[in-house]
Amino acid sequence: MKRREKGFTLIEVIIAIAISGMIMAALAMTTVTLLANHRRSTDQNIVLPQVQNAGCWISHDVQMAKDVIFDNPSGFPLTLDIPIDTDKNNDESVVYLFDGNKLKRQVYDLSDTLISETLIARYINVEDSTFGIQDSNIYKLTIKASKDKTVVEKSYEIVQRLGAR
């Protein structure tokens, strides 16, 4: 009489566990990679608009400025004299300065009274962000921002409008 036994042998069970372990390891690595990429993508989506916002605000104000004043080699604080209309009594001064890793825009009237202060960007690398003159009326702005391991740097060439000077 042949006895038919149902079930798995020890070798079959060990092979099944080994295959399951390899599949689980691959799934775990995929999950870790996806989470890391999601984190980097999220940080990129936070930092990139900060750099673009800083570039947009400063570019706009430099184009409108009558005078561009910066003494520090980094270019900040950056002071811009902006005419509002044909009456010089209405002119304003705009100052861009760093407060920690934040870039702020302050607007002053002719009597040096602070009119408004706006937070322009966060996560700015102050030591790597610069403003300087490239040619007679072309300025170069470099803004660098970072969050965790994500770093974004963008450079802008800004030309003053001919009527602004």
C-alpha atoms as a PDB file:
ATOM      1  CA  MET A   1       0.000   0.000   0.000  1.00  0.00           C
ATOM      2  CA  LYS A   2       1.204   3.401  -0.904  1.00  0.00           C
ATOM      3  CA  ARG A   3       0.485   6.011   1.559  1.00  0.00           C
ATOM      4  CA  ARG A   4      -0.321   9.383   0.022  1.00  0.00           C
ATOM      5  CA  GLU A   5       0.531  12.231   2.301  1.00  0.00           C
ATOM      6  CA  LYS A   6      -0.696  15.692   1.624  1.00  0.00           C
ATOM      7  CA  GLY A   7       1.329  18.784   2.475  1.00  0.00           C
ATOM      8  CA  PHE A   8       4.696  20.342   1.750  1.00  0.00           C
ATOM      9  CA  THR A   9       8.147  19.083   2.394  1.00  0.00           C
ATOM     10  CA  LEU A  10      10.593  21.068   4.477  1.00  0.00           C
ATOM     11  CA  ILE A  11      12.569  22.063   1.355  1.00  0.00           C
ATOM     12  CA  GLU A  12       9.441  23.404  -0.343  1.00  0.00           C
ATOM     13  CA  VAL A  13       8.589  25.512   2.719  1.00  0.00           C
ATOM     14  CA  ILE A  14      12.144  26.931   2.931  1.00  0.00           C
ATOM     15  CA  ILE A  15      12.108  27.829  -0.779  1.00  0.00           C
ATOM     16  CA  ALA A  16       8.696  29.501  -0.406  1.00  0.00           C
ATOM     17  CA  ILE A  17       9.942  31.556   2.579  1.00  0.00           C
ATOM     18  CA  ALA A  18      13.088  32.588   0.663  1.00  0.00           C
ATOM     19  CA  ILE A  19      11.072  33.714  -2.356  1.00  0.00           C
ATOM     20  CA  SER A  20       8.616  35.585  -0.101  1.00  0.00           C
ATOM     21  CA  GLY A  21      11.558  37.271   1.665  1.00  0.00           C
ATOM     22  CA  MET A  22      13.028  38.498  -1.621  1.00  0.00           C
ATOM     23  CA  ILE A  23       9.661  39.881  -2.717  1.00  0.00           C
ATOM     24  CA  MET A  24       9.171  41.631   0.646  1.00  0.00           C
ATOM     25  CA  ALA A  25      12.699  43.116   0.503  1.00  0.00           C
ATOM     26  CA  ALA A  26      12.044  44.487  -2.991  1.00  0.00           C
ATOM     27  CA  LEU A  27       8.730  45.989  -1.857  1.00  0.00           C
ATOM     28  CA  ALA A  28      10.382  47.560   1.193  1.00  0.00           C
ATOM     29  CA  MET A  29      13.140  49.135  -0.926  1.00  0.00           C
ATOM     30  CA  THR A  30      10.564  50.462  -3.390  1.00  0.00           C
ATOM     31  CA  THR A  31       8.511  51.978  -0.559  1.00  0.00           C
ATOM     32  CA  VAL A  32      11.571  53.649   1.006  1.00  0.00           C
ATOM     33  CA  THR A  33      12.611  55.067  -2.387  1.00  0.00           C
ATOM     34  CA  LEU A  34       9.128  56.390  -3.083  1.00  0.00           C
ATOM     35  CA  LEU A  35       8.938  58.085   0.311  1.00  0.00           C
ATOM     36  CA  ALA A  36      12.389  59.659  -0.109  1.00  0.00           C
ATOM     37  CA  ASN A  37      11.524  60.933  -3.594  1.00  0.00           C
ATOM     38  CA  HIS A  38       8.228  62.307  -2.321  1.00  0.00           C
ATOM     39  CA  ARG A  39      10.062  64.211   0.423  1.00  0.00           C
ATOM     40  CA  ARG A  40      12.560  65.681  -2.068  1.00  0.00           C
ATOM     41  CA  SER A  41       9.751  66.585  -4.445  1.00  0.00           C
ATOM     42  CA  THR A  42       7.804  68.264  -1.652  1.00  0.00           C
ATOM     43  CA  ASP A  43      10.881  70.257  -0.581  1.00  0.00           C
ATOM     44  CA  GLN A  44      11.503  71.239  -4.220  1.00  0.00           C
ATOM     45  CA  ASN A  45       7.906  72.470  -4.471  1.00  0.00           C
ATOM     46  CA  ILE A  46       8.457  74.585  -1.361  1.00  0.00           C
ATOM     47  CA  VAL A  47      11.877  76.057  -2.181  1.00  0.00           C
ATOM     48  CA  LEU A  48      11.545  76.772  -5.922  1.00  0.00           C
ATOM     49  CA  PRO A  49       8.649  79.273  -5.552  1.00  0.00           C
ATOM     50  CA  GLN A  50      10.637  81.082  -2.828  1.00  0.00           C
ATOM     51  CA  VAL A  51      13.544  81.666  -5.235  1.00  0.00           C
ATOM     52  CA  GLN A  52      11.206  82.653  -8.071  1.00  0.00           C
ATOM     53  CA  ASN A  53       9.274  85.051  -5.831  1.00  0.00           C
ATOM     54  CA  ALA A  54      12.473  86.783  -4.715  1.00  0.00           C
ATOM     55  CA  GLY A  55      13.653  87.099  -8.309  1.00  0.00           C
ATOM     56  CA  CYS A  56      10.313  88.485  -9.460  1.00  0.00           C
ATOM     57  CA  TRP A  57      10.036  91.149  -6.741  1.00  0.00           C
ATOM     58  CA  ILE A  58      13.629  92.351  -6.960  1.00  0.00           C
ATOM     59  CA  SER A  59      13.644  92.335 -10.782  1.00  0.00           C
ATOM     60  CA  HIS A  60      10.472  94.411 -10.899  1.00  0.00           C
ATOM     61  CA  ASP A  61      11.741  96.966  -8.391  1.00  0.00           C
ATOM     62  CA  VAL A  62      15.199  97.292  -9.997  1.00  0.00           C
ATOM     63  CA  GLN A  63      13.582  97.915 -13.371  1.00  0.00           C
ATOM     64  CA  MET A  64      11.479 100.704 -11.861  1.00  0.00           C
ATOM     65  CA  ALA A  65      14.257 102.209  -9.716  1.00  0.00           C
ATOM     66  CA  LYS A  66      15.794 105.605 -10.262  1.00  0.00           C
ATOM     67  CA  ASP A  67      18.784 104.708  -8.056  1.00  0.00           C
ATOM     68  CA  VAL A  68      20.182 101.331  -7.012  1.00  0.00           C
ATOM     69  CA  ILE A  69      22.290 101.501  -3.858  1.00  0.00           C
ATOM     70  CA  PHE A  70      24.315  98.683  -2.309  1.00  0.00           C
ATOM     71  CA  ASP A  71      27.564  98.932  -0.375  1.00  0.00           C
ATOM     72  CA  ASN A  72      28.010  95.404   0.919  1.00  0.00           C
ATOM     73  CA  PRO A  73      29.903  93.036  -1.453  1.00  0.00           C
ATOM     74  CA  SER A  74      26.938  90.630  -1.310  1.00  0.00           C
ATOM     75  CA  GLY A  75      24.631  93.429  -2.463  1.00  0.00           C
ATOM     76  CA  PHE A  76      22.333  93.184   0.551  1.00  0.00           C
ATOM     77  CA  PRO A  77      20.823  95.190   2.064  1.00  0.00           C
ATOM     78  CA  LEU A  78      19.746  96.542  -1.295  1.00  0.00           C
ATOM     79  CA  THR A  79      18.162 100.012  -1.418  1.00  0.00           C
ATOM     80  CA  LEU A  80      16.156 101.200  -4.415  1.00  0.00           C
ATOM     81  CA  ASP A  81      14.774 104.704  -4.928  1.00  0.00           C
ATOM     82  CA  ILE A  82      11.541 104.327  -6.856  1.00  0.00           C
ATOM     83  CA  PRO A  83       9.621 107.239  -8.363  1.00  0.00           C
ATOM     84  CA  ILE A  84       5.879 106.861  -7.923  1.00  0.00           C
ATOM     85  CA  ASP A  85       4.852 109.661 -10.279  1.00  0.00           C
ATOM     86  CA  THR A  86       6.274 112.932 -11.614  1.00  0.00           C
ATOM     87  CA  ASP A  87       6.165 114.546  -8.144  1.00  0.00           C
ATOM     88  CA  LYS A  88       9.461 113.754  -6.381  1.00  0.00           C
ATOM     89  CA  ASN A  89       7.731 114.219  -3.016  1.00  0.00           C
ATOM     90  CA  ASN A  90       5.893 110.949  -3.620  1.00  0.00           C
ATOM     91  CA  ASP A  91       9.030 108.843  -4.247  1.00  0.00           C
ATOM     92  CA  GLU A  92       9.643 105.787  -2.104  1.00  0.00           C
ATOM     93  CA  SER A  93      12.669 103.827  -0.993  1.00  0.00           C
ATOM     94  CA  VAL A  94      12.509 100.049  -1.091  1.00  0.00           C
ATOM     95  CA  VAL A  95      14.991  98.067   0.996  1.00  0.00           C
ATOM     96  CA  TYR A  96      15.611  94.339   0.589  1.00  0.00           C
ATOM     97  CA  LEU A  97      17.265  92.783   3.611  1.00  0.00           C
ATOM     98  CA  PHE A  98      17.738  89.426   5.265  1.00  0.00           C
ATOM     99  CA  ASP A  99      16.220  88.506   8.591  1.00  0.00           C
ATOM    100  CA  GLY A 100      17.813  85.153   9.351  1.00  0.00           C
ATOM    101  CA  ASN A 101      17.030  83.032   6.303  1.00  0.00           C
ATOM    102  CA  LYS A 102      14.094  85.240   5.281  1.00  0.00           C
ATOM    103  CA  LEU A 103      14.174  87.957   2.625  1.00  0.00           C
ATOM    104  CA  LYS A 104      12.080  91.000   3.511  1.00  0.00           C
ATOM    105  CA  ARG A 105      11.007  94.029   1.478  1.00  0.00           C
ATOM    106  CA  GLN A 106      10.545  97.288   3.376  1.00  0.00           C
ATOM    107  CA  VAL A 107       9.025 100.395   1.821  1.00  0.00           C
ATOM    108  CA  TYR A 108       9.829 103.860   3.234  1.00  0.00           C
ATOM    109  CA  ASP A 109       8.500 107.302   2.342  1.00  0.00           C
ATOM    110  CA  LEU A 110      10.744 110.367   1.875  1.00  0.00           C
ATOM    111  CA  SER A 111      10.821 111.029   5.624  1.00  0.00           C
ATOM    112  CA  ASP A 112      12.178 107.480   6.185  1.00  0.00           C
ATOM    113  CA  THR A 113       8.941 106.311   7.774  1.00  0.00           C
ATOM    114  CA  LEU A 114       8.305 102.625   7.291  1.00  0.00           C
ATOM    115  CA  ILE A 115       5.164 102.252   5.164  1.00  0.00           C
ATOM    116  CA  SER A 116       5.082  98.494   4.765  1.00  0.00           C
ATOM    117  CA  GLU A 117       7.099  95.338   5.281  1.00  0.00           C
ATOM    118  CA  THR A 118       6.569  92.194   3.227  1.00  0.00           C
ATOM    119  CA  LEU A 119       8.048  88.740   3.640  1.00  0.00           C
ATOM    120  CA  ILE A 120       9.295  87.882   0.142  1.00  0.00           C
ATOM    121  CA  ALA A 121      10.980  84.490   0.616  1.00  0.00           C
ATOM    122  CA  ARG A 122      12.047  81.911   3.175  1.00  0.00           C
ATOM    123  CA  TYR A 123      14.780  79.261   3.269  1.00  0.00           C
ATOM    124  CA  ILE A 124      17.286  81.653   1.652  1.00  0.00           C
ATOM    125  CA  ASN A 125      21.003  80.860   1.895  1.00  0.00           C
ATOM    126  CA  VAL A 126      22.141  84.354   2.804  1.00  0.00           C
ATOM    127  CA  GLU A 127      25.855  83.772   2.185  1.00  0.00           C
ATOM    128  CA  ASP A 128      25.190  82.424  -1.332  1.00  0.00           C
ATOM    129  CA  SER A 129      22.624  85.035  -2.436  1.00  0.00           C
ATOM    130  CA  THR A 130      24.136  88.075  -4.131  1.00  0.00           C
ATOM    131  CA  PHE A 131      23.270  91.213  -6.064  1.00  0.00           C
ATOM    132  CA  GLY A 132      25.781  93.187  -8.108  1.00  0.00           C
ATOM    133  CA  ILE A 133      26.358  95.208 -11.215  1.00  0.00           C
ATOM    134  CA  GLN A 134      27.390  93.320 -14.321  1.00  0.00           C
ATOM    135  CA  ASP A 135      27.553  96.148 -16.896  1.00  0.00           C
ATOM    136  CA  SER A 136      26.565  99.813 -16.875  1.00  0.00           C
ATOM    137  CA  ASN A 137      22.834  99.149 -16.518  1.00  0.00           C
ATOM    138  CA  ILE A 138      22.709  95.350 -16.152  1.00  0.00           C
ATOM    139  CA  TYR A 139      22.529  93.842 -12.696  1.00  0.00           C
ATOM    140  CA  LYS A 140      22.966  90.214 -11.714  1.00  0.00           C
ATOM    141  CA  LEU A 141      20.911  88.674  -8.937  1.00  0.00           C
ATOM    142  CA  THR A 142      21.644  85.189  -7.614  1.00  0.00           C
ATOM    143  CA  ILE A 143      19.246  83.660  -5.128  1.00  0.00           C
ATOM    144  CA  LYS A 144      19.929  80.331  -3.458  1.00  0.00           C
ATOM    145  CA  ALA A 145      17.506  78.588  -1.128  1.00  0.00           C
ATOM    146  CA  SER A 146      17.525  75.200   0.572  1.00  0.00           C
ATOM    147  CA  LYS A 147      15.341  73.001   2.713  1.00  0.00           C
ATOM    148  CA  ASP A 148      16.820  69.832   4.163  1.00  0.00           C
ATOM    149  CA  LYS A 149      18.847  68.352   1.266  1.00  0.00           C
ATOM    150  CA  THR A 150      17.024  70.200  -1.520  1.00  0.00           C
ATOM    151  CA  VAL A 151      18.887  73.209  -2.938  1.00  0.00           C
ATOM    152  CA  VAL A 152      17.630  75.592  -5.632  1.00  0.00           C
ATOM    153  CA  GLU A 153      19.749  78.377  -7.109  1.00  0.00           C
ATOM    154  CA  LYS A 154      18.672  80.766  -9.836  1.00  0.00           C
ATOM    155  CA  SER A 155      20.401  83.755 -11.413  1.00  0.00           C
ATOM    156  CA  TYR A 156      18.671  86.729 -13.004  1.00  0.00           C
ATOM    157  CA  GLU A 157      20.026  89.439 -15.280  1.00  0.00           C
ATOM    158  CA  ILE A 158      18.080  92.625 -14.683  1.00  0.00           C
ATOM    159  CA  VAL A 159      18.163  95.606 -17.017  1.00  0.00           C
ATOM    160  CA  GLN A 160      16.996  98.942 -15.719  1.00  0.00           C
ATOM    161  CA  ARG A 161      14.445 100.656 -17.904  1.00  0.00           C
ATOM    162  CA  LEU A 162      15.909 103.554 -19.825  1.00  0.00           C
ATOM    163  CA  GLY A 163      13.525 106.105 -18.323  1.00  0.00           C
ATOM    164  CA  ALA A 164      14.228 104.927 -14.780  1.00  0.00           C
ATOM    165  CA  ARG A 165      17.701 106.438 -14.551  1.00  0.00           C
END
